Amino acid sequence: MENKFTSPAMRKIKLVVICVLAIALNFLSVFIFYDTLKLPLFMDTIFTLAVLFYAGLLPALIVQISYNIINSFVWMFITGSFDVFMLMYTICGILIVVSSWLVARHKKNFEISPLITILYLLLIAMLSSACSVISGGIIDYFHLRCSNIPDMISPIKKFTDAFVRQRFSLFVSCILAQVPVSFADRLITTFAGWGVYKIMRRCTQTV
């Protein structure tokens, strides 16, 4: 028998609360790992992936798109001007979520064994990293051509400058510069997102 806590309305409310918390926690993650610890990583999709594993594609897209839009306006508040390229990084977020979902939709296969889980997560990390490298590199290229990129992605700019000094073209340099940062970021956030999902599942099962 269905009760008020398991009704469709309550499930929708719970999902909305989870999405709002995920957006806030993505900002907190960036603040802790980038602003405080000064790690040259984005760290803005841990809780997006947790929502993807927990609730599927659409809620995860809502979380990531909302995060990117809000982040664009935060940058506008900080800098005093709106940078359309900051909003364009939403494309990276969408591609990360969609590419991760292509593997994550087979989530039931993840837990056959710990090794299988690790292999699936590595596949997600590599696939989403490839999407991030290509899309982020293209956006960085036009961003650098049109304006100064914000300090938030200065580690990538330093990598880009290093490749340019080696006489690579700016476009190729922007792509190559994404590789070390994006791959490390996707690897950490994918495994962290899976860990958060496991905690979420245990918590909701006990409620």
N, C-alpha and C. Protein backbone atom coordinates (compact mmCIF):
# COMPACT_ATOMS: atom_id res chain seq x y z
N MET A 1 0.84 -1.20 0.00
CA MET A 1 0.00 0.00 0.00
C MET A 1 0.87 1.25 0.00
N GLU A 2 0.56 2.20 -0.87
CA GLU A 2 1.36 3.41 -0.99
C GLU A 2 1.00 4.38 0.13
N ASN A 3 1.99 4.95 0.77
CA ASN A 3 1.75 5.98 1.79
C ASN A 3 2.22 7.33 1.29
N LYS A 4 2.03 8.35 2.13
CA LYS A 4 2.33 9.71 1.69
C LYS A 4 3.82 9.91 1.42
N PHE A 5 4.67 9.07 2.01
CA PHE A 5 6.10 9.23 1.84
C PHE A 5 6.60 8.59 0.55
N THR A 6 5.80 7.68 -0.04
CA THR A 6 6.20 7.02 -1.28
C THR A 6 5.30 7.40 -2.45
N SER A 7 4.43 8.39 -2.28
CA SER A 7 3.55 8.82 -3.34
C SER A 7 4.35 9.52 -4.44
N PRO A 8 3.81 9.56 -5.67
CA PRO A 8 4.52 10.25 -6.76
C PRO A 8 4.86 11.70 -6.44
N ALA A 9 3.96 12.39 -5.77
CA ALA A 9 4.21 13.79 -5.42
C ALA A 9 5.39 13.93 -4.49
N MET A 10 5.47 13.05 -3.50
CA MET A 10 6.58 13.11 -2.55
C MET A 10 7.89 12.73 -3.21
N ARG A 11 7.84 11.79 -4.14
CA ARG A 11 9.06 11.41 -4.85
C ARG A 11 9.57 12.57 -5.70
N LYS A 12 8.63 13.31 -6.31
CA LYS A 12 9.03 14.47 -7.10
C LYS A 12 9.65 15.55 -6.22
N ILE A 13 9.03 15.78 -5.07
CA ILE A 13 9.56 16.78 -4.13
C ILE A 13 10.95 16.37 -3.67
N LYS A 14 11.11 15.09 -3.36
CA LYS A 14 12.43 14.60 -2.92
C LYS A 14 13.47 14.79 -4.02
N LEU A 15 13.08 14.54 -5.27
CA LEU A 15 14.01 14.69 -6.39
C LEU A 15 14.40 16.15 -6.58
N VAL A 16 13.43 17.04 -6.44
CA VAL A 16 13.73 18.48 -6.55
C VAL A 16 14.71 18.91 -5.47
N VAL A 17 14.49 18.44 -4.25
CA VAL A 17 15.39 18.77 -3.14
C VAL A 17 16.79 18.23 -3.42
N ILE A 18 16.87 17.02 -3.92
CA ILE A 18 18.17 16.41 -4.24
C ILE A 18 18.90 17.23 -5.30
N CYS A 19 18.18 17.67 -6.33
CA CYS A 19 18.79 18.46 -7.40
C CYS A 19 19.31 19.80 -6.89
N VAL A 20 18.51 20.46 -6.06
CA VAL A 20 18.92 21.75 -5.50
C VAL A 20 20.17 21.58 -4.63
N LEU A 21 20.17 20.53 -3.82
CA LEU A 21 21.34 20.25 -2.98
C LEU A 21 22.56 19.94 -3.84
N ALA A 22 22.37 19.20 -4.92
CA ALA A 22 23.48 18.85 -5.80
C ALA A 22 24.11 20.10 -6.42
N ILE A 23 23.28 21.04 -6.84
CA ILE A 23 23.80 22.30 -7.41
C ILE A 23 24.62 23.04 -6.36
N ALA A 24 24.07 23.16 -5.16
CA ALA A 24 24.78 23.86 -4.09
C ALA A 24 26.08 23.16 -3.73
N LEU A 25 26.05 21.84 -3.69
CA LEU A 25 27.25 21.08 -3.32
C LEU A 25 28.30 21.10 -4.43
N ASN A 26 27.88 21.25 -5.68
CA ASN A 26 28.86 21.45 -6.75
C ASN A 26 29.64 22.74 -6.54
N PHE A 27 28.94 23.80 -6.15
CA PHE A 27 29.61 25.07 -5.85
C PHE A 27 30.54 24.91 -4.64
N LEU A 28 30.07 24.18 -3.64
CA LEU A 28 30.91 23.96 -2.46
C LEU A 28 32.16 23.17 -2.82
N SER A 29 32.00 22.19 -3.69
CA SER A 29 33.14 21.37 -4.13
C SER A 29 34.19 22.23 -4.82
N VAL A 30 33.74 23.12 -5.70
CA VAL A 30 34.66 24.02 -6.39
C VAL A 30 35.37 24.93 -5.39
N PHE A 31 34.61 25.43 -4.44
CA PHE A 31 35.19 26.33 -3.43
C PHE A 31 36.27 25.61 -2.62
N ILE A 32 35.99 24.37 -2.23
CA ILE A 32 36.95 23.63 -1.39
C ILE A 32 38.20 23.24 -2.19
N PHE A 33 37.98 22.61 -3.34
CA PHE A 33 39.11 22.04 -4.06
C PHE A 33 39.88 23.05 -4.90
N TYR A 34 39.17 24.02 -5.51
CA TYR A 34 39.89 24.99 -6.33
C TYR A 34 40.26 26.25 -5.55
N ASP A 35 39.26 26.89 -4.95
CA ASP A 35 39.51 28.17 -4.28
C ASP A 35 40.34 28.01 -3.02
N THR A 36 40.09 26.95 -2.25
CA THR A 36 40.78 26.78 -0.97
C THR A 36 42.06 25.96 -1.11
N LEU A 37 41.96 24.78 -1.71
CA LEU A 37 43.12 23.90 -1.83
C LEU A 37 43.98 24.23 -3.05
N LYS A 38 43.46 25.08 -3.96
CA LYS A 38 44.21 25.54 -5.13
C LYS A 38 44.59 24.40 -6.08
N LEU A 39 43.75 23.38 -6.16
CA LEU A 39 44.00 22.29 -7.11
C LEU A 39 43.60 22.76 -8.52
N PRO A 40 44.42 22.50 -9.52
CA PRO A 40 44.11 22.94 -10.89
C PRO A 40 43.09 22.03 -11.57
N LEU A 41 41.95 21.84 -10.93
CA LEU A 41 40.88 20.98 -11.44
C LEU A 41 39.56 21.72 -11.33
N PHE A 42 38.56 21.28 -12.10
CA PHE A 42 37.25 21.94 -12.07
C PHE A 42 36.42 21.48 -10.87
N MET A 43 36.29 20.18 -10.71
CA MET A 43 35.59 19.58 -9.57
C MET A 43 34.15 20.07 -9.43
N ASP A 44 33.48 20.30 -10.56
CA ASP A 44 32.13 20.86 -10.52
C ASP A 44 31.06 19.87 -10.97
N THR A 45 31.40 18.58 -11.05
CA THR A 45 30.41 17.60 -11.52
C THR A 45 30.27 16.39 -10.60
N ILE A 46 30.88 16.43 -9.44
CA ILE A 46 30.77 15.28 -8.52
C ILE A 46 29.32 14.96 -8.22
N PHE A 47 28.57 15.96 -7.84
CA PHE A 47 27.19 15.73 -7.41
C PHE A 47 26.24 15.64 -8.60
N THR A 48 26.65 16.19 -9.74
CA THR A 48 25.89 15.96 -10.97
C THR A 48 25.90 14.48 -11.31
N LEU A 49 27.07 13.85 -11.23
CA LEU A 49 27.18 12.43 -11.54
C LEU A 49 26.47 11.58 -10.49
N ALA A 50 26.51 12.02 -9.24
CA ALA A 50 25.77 11.30 -8.21
C ALA A 50 24.27 11.28 -8.54
N VAL A 51 23.75 12.41 -8.98
CA VAL A 51 22.35 12.49 -9.39
C VAL A 51 22.10 11.64 -10.64
N LEU A 52 23.06 11.63 -11.56
CA LEU A 52 22.93 10.80 -12.77
C LEU A 52 22.80 9.34 -12.39
N PHE A 53 23.67 8.85 -11.52
CA PHE A 53 23.60 7.46 -11.10
C PHE A 53 22.31 7.17 -10.32
N TYR A 54 21.87 8.14 -9.55
CA TYR A 54 20.72 7.94 -8.66
C TYR A 54 19.37 8.09 -9.38
N ALA A 55 19.27 9.11 -10.25
CA ALA A 55 17.95 9.46 -10.79
C ALA A 55 17.89 9.49 -12.31
N GLY A 56 19.01 9.38 -13.00
CA GLY A 56 18.96 9.32 -14.45
C GLY A 56 19.39 10.60 -15.16
N LEU A 57 19.18 10.60 -16.48
CA LEU A 57 19.72 11.63 -17.36
C LEU A 57 19.11 13.01 -17.13
N LEU A 58 17.79 13.12 -17.16
CA LEU A 58 17.14 14.43 -17.10
C LEU A 58 17.48 15.20 -15.82
N PRO A 59 17.34 14.60 -14.64
CA PRO A 59 17.72 15.34 -13.42
C PRO A 59 19.18 15.80 -13.42
N ALA A 60 20.08 14.95 -13.94
CA ALA A 60 21.49 15.31 -13.99
C ALA A 60 21.72 16.49 -14.95
N LEU A 61 21.03 16.49 -16.09
CA LEU A 61 21.14 17.61 -17.01
C LEU A 61 20.63 18.89 -16.37
N ILE A 62 19.54 18.80 -15.65
CA ILE A 62 18.99 19.98 -14.96
C ILE A 62 20.00 20.53 -13.96
N VAL A 63 20.63 19.63 -13.21
CA VAL A 63 21.62 20.05 -12.22
C VAL A 63 22.80 20.75 -12.90
N GLN A 64 23.35 20.14 -13.95
CA GLN A 64 24.56 20.70 -14.56
C GLN A 64 24.27 21.98 -15.32
N ILE A 65 23.17 22.02 -16.05
CA ILE A 65 22.82 23.25 -16.78
C ILE A 65 22.55 24.38 -15.80
N SER A 66 21.84 24.08 -14.73
CA SER A 66 21.55 25.11 -13.71
C SER A 66 22.84 25.61 -13.08
N TYR A 67 23.75 24.68 -12.79
CA TYR A 67 25.03 25.09 -12.20
C TYR A 67 25.77 26.04 -13.14
N ASN A 68 25.87 25.70 -14.42
CA ASN A 68 26.61 26.53 -15.36
C ASN A 68 25.97 27.90 -15.55
N ILE A 69 24.66 27.94 -15.60
CA ILE A 69 23.97 29.23 -15.75
C ILE A 69 24.21 30.10 -14.52
N ILE A 70 24.02 29.52 -13.35
CA ILE A 70 24.25 30.28 -12.12
C ILE A 70 25.70 30.74 -12.03
N ASN A 71 26.63 29.86 -12.39
CA ASN A 71 28.05 30.20 -12.34
C ASN A 71 28.37 31.36 -13.27
N SER A 72 27.70 31.42 -14.42
CA SER A 72 27.92 32.53 -15.36
C SER A 72 27.52 33.86 -14.72
N PHE A 73 26.40 33.84 -14.01
CA PHE A 73 25.96 35.07 -13.36
C PHE A 73 26.81 35.41 -12.14
N VAL A 74 27.36 34.40 -11.49
CA VAL A 74 28.31 34.66 -10.40
C VAL A 74 29.53 35.38 -10.94
N TRP A 75 30.04 34.92 -12.09
CA TRP A 75 31.18 35.58 -12.71
C TRP A 75 30.84 37.00 -13.12
N MET A 76 29.62 37.21 -13.60
CA MET A 76 29.19 38.56 -13.96
C MET A 76 29.19 39.47 -12.73
N PHE A 77 28.74 38.92 -11.60
CA PHE A 77 28.73 39.70 -10.35
C PHE A 77 30.16 40.02 -9.91
N ILE A 78 31.08 39.05 -10.08
CA ILE A 78 32.46 39.24 -9.63
C ILE A 78 33.21 40.22 -10.55
N THR A 79 33.03 40.05 -11.87
CA THR A 79 33.81 40.85 -12.82
C THR A 79 33.11 42.14 -13.24
N GLY A 80 31.80 42.21 -13.06
CA GLY A 80 31.07 43.40 -13.46
C GLY A 80 30.62 43.40 -14.91
N SER A 81 30.91 42.32 -15.64
CA SER A 81 30.46 42.22 -17.03
C SER A 81 30.12 40.77 -17.35
N PHE A 82 29.20 40.60 -18.28
CA PHE A 82 28.77 39.25 -18.64
C PHE A 82 29.68 38.69 -19.72
N ASP A 83 30.21 37.48 -19.47
CA ASP A 83 31.09 36.80 -20.42
C ASP A 83 30.32 35.63 -21.02
N VAL A 84 29.94 35.77 -22.29
CA VAL A 84 29.13 34.74 -22.94
C VAL A 84 29.86 33.41 -23.00
N PHE A 85 31.20 33.44 -23.03
CA PHE A 85 31.96 32.20 -23.10
C PHE A 85 31.82 31.37 -21.82
N MET A 86 31.64 32.05 -20.69
CA MET A 86 31.41 31.32 -19.45
C MET A 86 30.13 30.50 -19.55
N LEU A 87 29.12 31.08 -20.21
CA LEU A 87 27.86 30.36 -20.41
C LEU A 87 28.03 29.22 -21.40
N MET A 88 28.92 29.39 -22.36
CA MET A 88 29.12 28.35 -23.38
C MET A 88 29.73 27.08 -22.81
N TYR A 89 30.38 27.19 -21.64
CA TYR A 89 30.92 25.98 -21.03
C TYR A 89 29.80 25.03 -20.57
N THR A 90 28.57 25.52 -20.63
CA THR A 90 27.42 24.64 -20.39
C THR A 90 27.44 23.47 -21.38
N ILE A 91 27.93 23.72 -22.59
CA ILE A 91 28.02 22.66 -23.60
C ILE A 91 28.90 21.52 -23.08
N CYS A 92 30.01 21.87 -22.44
CA CYS A 92 30.89 20.84 -21.87
C CYS A 92 30.13 20.01 -20.84
N GLY A 93 29.40 20.71 -19.96
CA GLY A 93 28.65 20.02 -18.92
C GLY A 93 27.62 19.07 -19.49
N ILE A 94 26.91 19.51 -20.54
CA ILE A 94 25.90 18.66 -21.18
C ILE A 94 26.55 17.42 -21.80
N LEU A 95 27.65 17.62 -22.50
CA LEU A 95 28.33 16.49 -23.13
C LEU A 95 28.89 15.51 -22.11
N ILE A 96 29.38 16.03 -20.99
CA ILE A 96 29.87 15.16 -19.91
C ILE A 96 28.74 14.30 -19.37
N VAL A 97 27.58 14.93 -19.12
CA VAL A 97 26.45 14.20 -18.57
C VAL A 97 25.94 13.15 -19.56
N VAL A 98 25.76 13.55 -20.81
CA VAL A 98 25.20 12.63 -21.81
C VAL A 98 26.16 11.46 -22.07
N SER A 99 27.45 11.76 -22.22
CA SER A 99 28.41 10.68 -22.47
C SER A 99 28.52 9.74 -21.27
N SER A 100 28.42 10.30 -20.07
CA SER A 100 28.44 9.45 -18.87
C SER A 100 27.19 8.58 -18.80
N TRP A 101 26.06 9.15 -19.19
CA TRP A 101 24.79 8.41 -19.14
C TRP A 101 24.80 7.23 -20.13
N LEU A 102 25.48 7.37 -21.26
CA LEU A 102 25.52 6.28 -22.24
C LEU A 102 26.06 5.00 -21.61
N VAL A 103 26.95 5.15 -20.64
CA VAL A 103 27.47 3.99 -19.92
C VAL A 103 26.67 3.74 -18.65
N ALA A 104 26.34 4.81 -17.94
CA ALA A 104 25.68 4.68 -16.64
C ALA A 104 24.27 4.09 -16.74
N ARG A 105 23.65 4.15 -17.90
CA ARG A 105 22.30 3.59 -18.03
C ARG A 105 22.32 2.06 -17.86
N HIS A 106 23.50 1.46 -17.96
CA HIS A 106 23.65 0.03 -17.71
C HIS A 106 24.13 -0.20 -16.27
N LYS A 107 23.67 0.61 -15.37
CA LYS A 107 24.14 0.62 -13.99
C LYS A 107 24.00 -0.73 -13.30
N LYS A 108 23.01 -1.50 -13.67
CA LYS A 108 22.81 -2.80 -13.02
C LYS A 108 24.00 -3.74 -13.23
N ASN A 109 24.70 -3.52 -14.32
CA ASN A 109 25.88 -4.35 -14.60
C ASN A 109 27.10 -3.93 -13.78
N PHE A 110 27.04 -2.74 -13.19
CA PHE A 110 28.19 -2.20 -12.49
C PHE A 110 28.64 -3.08 -11.32
N GLU A 111 27.65 -3.62 -10.63
CA GLU A 111 27.96 -4.25 -9.35
C GLU A 111 28.07 -5.77 -9.43
N ILE A 112 28.38 -6.28 -10.61
CA ILE A 112 28.66 -7.71 -10.74
C ILE A 112 29.85 -8.08 -9.88
N SER A 113 30.85 -7.20 -9.89
CA SER A 113 32.03 -7.38 -9.05
C SER A 113 32.71 -6.02 -8.91
N PRO A 114 33.56 -5.84 -7.90
CA PRO A 114 34.28 -4.57 -7.75
C PRO A 114 35.11 -4.22 -8.98
N LEU A 115 35.72 -5.23 -9.61
CA LEU A 115 36.52 -4.98 -10.80
C LEU A 115 35.67 -4.44 -11.94
N ILE A 116 34.49 -5.02 -12.14
CA ILE A 116 33.59 -4.55 -13.19
C ILE A 116 33.16 -3.12 -12.91
N THR A 117 32.88 -2.81 -11.65
CA THR A 117 32.52 -1.44 -11.27
C THR A 117 33.62 -0.47 -11.66
N ILE A 118 34.85 -0.81 -11.32
CA ILE A 118 35.99 0.05 -11.63
C ILE A 118 36.14 0.23 -13.13
N LEU A 119 35.99 -0.84 -13.90
CA LEU A 119 36.14 -0.76 -15.35
C LEU A 119 35.06 0.13 -15.97
N TYR A 120 33.83 0.00 -15.50
CA TYR A 120 32.76 0.85 -16.00
C TYR A 120 33.02 2.32 -15.67
N LEU A 121 33.46 2.59 -14.46
CA LEU A 121 33.74 3.97 -14.06
C LEU A 121 34.91 4.54 -14.85
N LEU A 122 35.91 3.72 -15.12
CA LEU A 122 37.02 4.17 -15.96
C LEU A 122 36.55 4.48 -17.38
N LEU A 123 35.63 3.68 -17.89
CA LEU A 123 35.07 3.93 -19.22
C LEU A 123 34.33 5.26 -19.24
N ILE A 124 33.53 5.51 -18.21
CA ILE A 124 32.82 6.79 -18.11
C ILE A 124 33.82 7.94 -18.06
N ALA A 125 34.85 7.80 -17.25
CA ALA A 125 35.85 8.86 -17.11
C ALA A 125 36.54 9.16 -18.44
N MET A 126 36.91 8.12 -19.18
CA MET A 126 37.61 8.32 -20.44
C MET A 126 36.69 8.92 -21.51
N LEU A 127 35.46 8.43 -21.57
CA LEU A 127 34.52 8.93 -22.57
C LEU A 127 34.15 10.38 -22.30
N SER A 128 33.82 10.70 -21.05
CA SER A 128 33.46 12.07 -20.71
C SER A 128 34.66 13.01 -20.81
N SER A 129 35.85 12.48 -20.52
CA SER A 129 37.07 13.28 -20.67
C SER A 129 37.30 13.66 -22.13
N ALA A 130 37.08 12.71 -23.03
CA ALA A 130 37.25 13.01 -24.46
C ALA A 130 36.29 14.12 -24.90
N CYS A 131 35.05 14.04 -24.43
CA CYS A 131 34.07 15.08 -24.76
C CYS A 131 34.48 16.43 -24.18
N SER A 132 34.97 16.40 -22.95
CA SER A 132 35.39 17.63 -22.28
C SER A 132 36.60 18.25 -22.96
N VAL A 133 37.56 17.41 -23.35
CA VAL A 133 38.78 17.90 -24.01
C VAL A 133 38.44 18.60 -25.31
N ILE A 134 37.62 17.97 -26.14
CA ILE A 134 37.31 18.53 -27.46
C ILE A 134 36.45 19.79 -27.34
N SER A 135 35.34 19.69 -26.59
CA SER A 135 34.44 20.84 -26.49
C SER A 135 35.09 21.98 -25.71
N GLY A 136 35.76 21.65 -24.61
CA GLY A 136 36.42 22.69 -23.82
C GLY A 136 37.55 23.35 -24.58
N GLY A 137 38.30 22.55 -25.35
CA GLY A 137 39.39 23.11 -26.13
C GLY A 137 38.90 24.08 -27.20
N ILE A 138 37.83 23.72 -27.87
CA ILE A 138 37.26 24.59 -28.91
C ILE A 138 36.76 25.89 -28.29
N ILE A 139 36.06 25.80 -27.17
CA ILE A 139 35.55 27.00 -26.51
C ILE A 139 36.71 27.86 -26.01
N ASP A 140 37.73 27.22 -25.44
CA ASP A 140 38.91 27.96 -24.97
C ASP A 140 39.58 28.72 -26.13
N TYR A 141 39.63 28.08 -27.28
CA TYR A 141 40.26 28.71 -28.45
C TYR A 141 39.58 30.03 -28.79
N PHE A 142 38.26 29.98 -28.93
CA PHE A 142 37.53 31.21 -29.27
C PHE A 142 37.54 32.20 -28.11
N HIS A 143 37.55 31.66 -26.89
CA HIS A 143 37.61 32.53 -25.70
C HIS A 143 38.92 33.31 -25.69
N LEU A 144 40.03 32.62 -25.95
CA LEU A 144 41.33 33.29 -25.97
C LEU A 144 41.47 34.26 -27.14
N ARG A 145 40.83 33.93 -28.25
CA ARG A 145 40.88 34.83 -29.41
C ARG A 145 40.10 36.11 -29.17
N CYS A 146 39.05 36.01 -28.36
CA CYS A 146 38.14 37.15 -28.20
C CYS A 146 38.37 37.94 -26.91
N SER A 147 38.86 37.26 -25.87
CA SER A 147 39.01 37.96 -24.59
C SER A 147 39.96 37.17 -23.69
N ASN A 148 40.27 37.76 -22.55
CA ASN A 148 41.07 37.06 -21.55
C ASN A 148 40.19 36.09 -20.79
N ILE A 149 40.65 34.84 -20.67
CA ILE A 149 39.87 33.87 -19.92
C ILE A 149 39.99 34.17 -18.43
N PRO A 150 38.96 33.87 -17.64
CA PRO A 150 39.00 34.17 -16.21
C PRO A 150 40.00 33.30 -15.46
N ASP A 151 40.36 33.73 -14.27
CA ASP A 151 41.34 33.00 -13.47
C ASP A 151 40.91 31.58 -13.16
N MET A 152 39.61 31.31 -13.20
CA MET A 152 39.11 29.98 -12.85
C MET A 152 39.75 28.89 -13.70
N ILE A 153 40.11 29.20 -14.96
CA ILE A 153 40.71 28.19 -15.81
C ILE A 153 42.15 28.56 -16.16
N SER A 154 42.80 29.33 -15.30
CA SER A 154 44.19 29.72 -15.54
C SER A 154 45.14 28.53 -15.66
N PRO A 155 44.94 27.41 -14.93
CA PRO A 155 45.85 26.27 -15.13
C PRO A 155 45.85 25.77 -16.57
N ILE A 156 44.69 25.77 -17.22
CA ILE A 156 44.62 25.36 -18.61
C ILE A 156 45.31 26.39 -19.49
N LYS A 157 45.17 27.66 -19.14
CA LYS A 157 45.83 28.71 -19.92
C LYS A 157 47.34 28.54 -19.85
N LYS A 158 47.86 28.16 -18.70
CA LYS A 158 49.30 27.95 -18.56
C LYS A 158 49.76 26.79 -19.43
N PHE A 159 48.96 25.71 -19.45
CA PHE A 159 49.29 24.59 -20.34
C PHE A 159 49.23 25.03 -21.80
N THR A 160 48.22 25.83 -22.14
CA THR A 160 48.08 26.32 -23.50
C THR A 160 49.30 27.13 -23.92
N ASP A 161 49.72 28.05 -23.04
CA ASP A 161 50.89 28.87 -23.33
C ASP A 161 52.13 28.01 -23.54
N ALA A 162 52.24 26.94 -22.77
CA ALA A 162 53.40 26.04 -22.90
C ALA A 162 53.43 25.39 -24.28
N PHE A 163 52.27 24.94 -24.76
CA PHE A 163 52.21 24.32 -26.08
C PHE A 163 52.45 25.35 -27.19
N VAL A 164 51.93 26.56 -27.00
CA VAL A 164 52.16 27.61 -28.00
C VAL A 164 53.66 27.92 -28.11
N ARG A 165 54.35 27.92 -26.98
CA ARG A 165 55.80 28.17 -27.00
C ARG A 165 56.56 27.06 -27.72
N GLN A 166 55.93 25.87 -27.80
CA GLN A 166 56.53 24.76 -28.55
C GLN A 166 56.12 24.79 -30.03
N ARG A 167 55.53 25.93 -30.43
CA ARG A 167 55.17 26.20 -31.83
C ARG A 167 53.99 25.38 -32.33
N PHE A 168 53.13 24.92 -31.41
CA PHE A 168 51.85 24.39 -31.83
C PHE A 168 50.92 25.56 -32.13
N SER A 169 49.95 25.34 -33.00
CA SER A 169 48.96 26.39 -33.25
C SER A 169 48.12 26.61 -32.00
N LEU A 170 47.49 27.77 -31.91
CA LEU A 170 46.66 28.06 -30.74
C LEU A 170 45.54 27.05 -30.60
N PHE A 171 44.93 26.67 -31.72
CA PHE A 171 43.81 25.72 -31.66
C PHE A 171 44.27 24.38 -31.12
N VAL A 172 45.36 23.85 -31.65
CA VAL A 172 45.89 22.57 -31.18
C VAL A 172 46.33 22.68 -29.73
N SER A 173 46.93 23.81 -29.38
CA SER A 173 47.38 24.02 -28.00
C SER A 173 46.21 24.00 -27.03
N CYS A 174 45.09 24.59 -27.42
CA CYS A 174 43.91 24.62 -26.55
C CYS A 174 43.37 23.20 -26.32
N ILE A 175 43.40 22.39 -27.37
CA ILE A 175 42.93 21.00 -27.23
C ILE A 175 43.88 20.21 -26.34
N LEU A 176 45.18 20.28 -26.64
CA LEU A 176 46.16 19.52 -25.88
C LEU A 176 46.21 19.96 -24.41
N ALA A 177 46.02 21.24 -24.17
CA ALA A 177 46.08 21.75 -22.80
C ALA A 177 44.96 21.20 -21.94
N GLN A 178 43.86 20.83 -22.58
CA GLN A 178 42.73 20.28 -21.83
C GLN A 178 43.00 18.87 -21.32
N VAL A 179 43.89 18.14 -22.00
CA VAL A 179 44.04 16.71 -21.72
C VAL A 179 44.40 16.40 -20.27
N PRO A 180 45.51 16.94 -19.73
CA PRO A 180 45.87 16.54 -18.36
C PRO A 180 44.85 16.96 -17.32
N VAL A 181 44.33 18.19 -17.44
CA VAL A 181 43.38 18.68 -16.44
C VAL A 181 42.04 17.95 -16.55
N SER A 182 41.53 17.83 -17.78
CA SER A 182 40.22 17.20 -17.96
C SER A 182 40.24 15.73 -17.56
N PHE A 183 41.30 15.01 -17.96
CA PHE A 183 41.34 13.59 -17.63
C PHE A 183 41.42 13.38 -16.12
N ALA A 184 42.28 14.13 -15.44
CA ALA A 184 42.39 14.01 -13.98
C ALA A 184 41.08 14.38 -13.31
N ASP A 185 40.46 15.46 -13.79
CA ASP A 185 39.19 15.91 -13.22
C ASP A 185 38.09 14.87 -13.41
N ARG A 186 37.98 14.32 -14.63
CA ARG A 186 36.93 13.35 -14.91
C ARG A 186 37.15 12.06 -14.11
N LEU A 187 38.38 11.66 -13.96
CA LEU A 187 38.68 10.44 -13.21
C LEU A 187 38.26 10.59 -11.75
N ILE A 188 38.65 11.70 -11.14
CA ILE A 188 38.33 11.93 -9.72
C ILE A 188 36.84 12.12 -9.52
N THR A 189 36.22 12.95 -10.35
CA THR A 189 34.80 13.26 -10.14
C THR A 189 33.90 12.07 -10.44
N THR A 190 34.29 11.22 -11.39
CA THR A 190 33.49 10.04 -11.70
C THR A 190 33.46 9.07 -10.52
N PHE A 191 34.61 8.77 -9.98
CA PHE A 191 34.67 7.86 -8.84
C PHE A 191 34.04 8.49 -7.60
N ALA A 192 34.25 9.79 -7.41
CA ALA A 192 33.64 10.48 -6.26
C ALA A 192 32.12 10.51 -6.41
N GLY A 193 31.63 10.76 -7.63
CA GLY A 193 30.19 10.78 -7.87
C GLY A 193 29.55 9.43 -7.59
N TRP A 194 30.24 8.34 -7.98
CA TRP A 194 29.75 6.99 -7.68
C TRP A 194 29.71 6.77 -6.17
N GLY A 195 30.71 7.24 -5.47
CA GLY A 195 30.74 7.10 -4.01
C GLY A 195 29.60 7.85 -3.34
N VAL A 196 29.34 9.06 -3.81
CA VAL A 196 28.22 9.83 -3.26
C VAL A 196 26.90 9.14 -3.56
N TYR A 197 26.77 8.61 -4.77
CA TYR A 197 25.55 7.86 -5.13
C TYR A 197 25.31 6.68 -4.19
N LYS A 198 26.37 5.94 -3.89
CA LYS A 198 26.23 4.79 -2.99
C LYS A 198 25.76 5.24 -1.61
N ILE A 199 26.28 6.36 -1.14
CA ILE A 199 25.84 6.90 0.16
C ILE A 199 24.38 7.33 0.08
N MET A 200 24.01 7.99 -1.02
CA MET A 200 22.62 8.42 -1.20
C MET A 200 21.67 7.23 -1.18
N ARG A 201 22.05 6.17 -1.87
CA ARG A 201 21.18 4.99 -1.94
C ARG A 201 21.00 4.36 -0.56
N ARG A 202 22.09 4.27 0.20
CA ARG A 202 21.97 3.71 1.54
C ARG A 202 21.08 4.56 2.43
N CYS A 203 21.25 5.87 2.31
CA CYS A 203 20.46 6.79 3.14
C CYS A 203 18.97 6.72 2.82
N THR A 204 18.65 6.67 1.52
CA THR A 204 17.23 6.64 1.12
C THR A 204 16.59 5.30 1.43
N GLN A 205 17.39 4.24 1.44
CA GLN A 205 16.84 2.93 1.77
C GLN A 205 16.50 2.80 3.25
N THR A 206 17.15 3.59 4.08
CA THR A 206 16.91 3.51 5.51
C THR A 206 15.84 4.46 5.99
N VAL A 207 15.41 5.37 5.08
CA VAL A 207 14.38 6.35 5.47
C VAL A 207 13.00 5.73 5.31
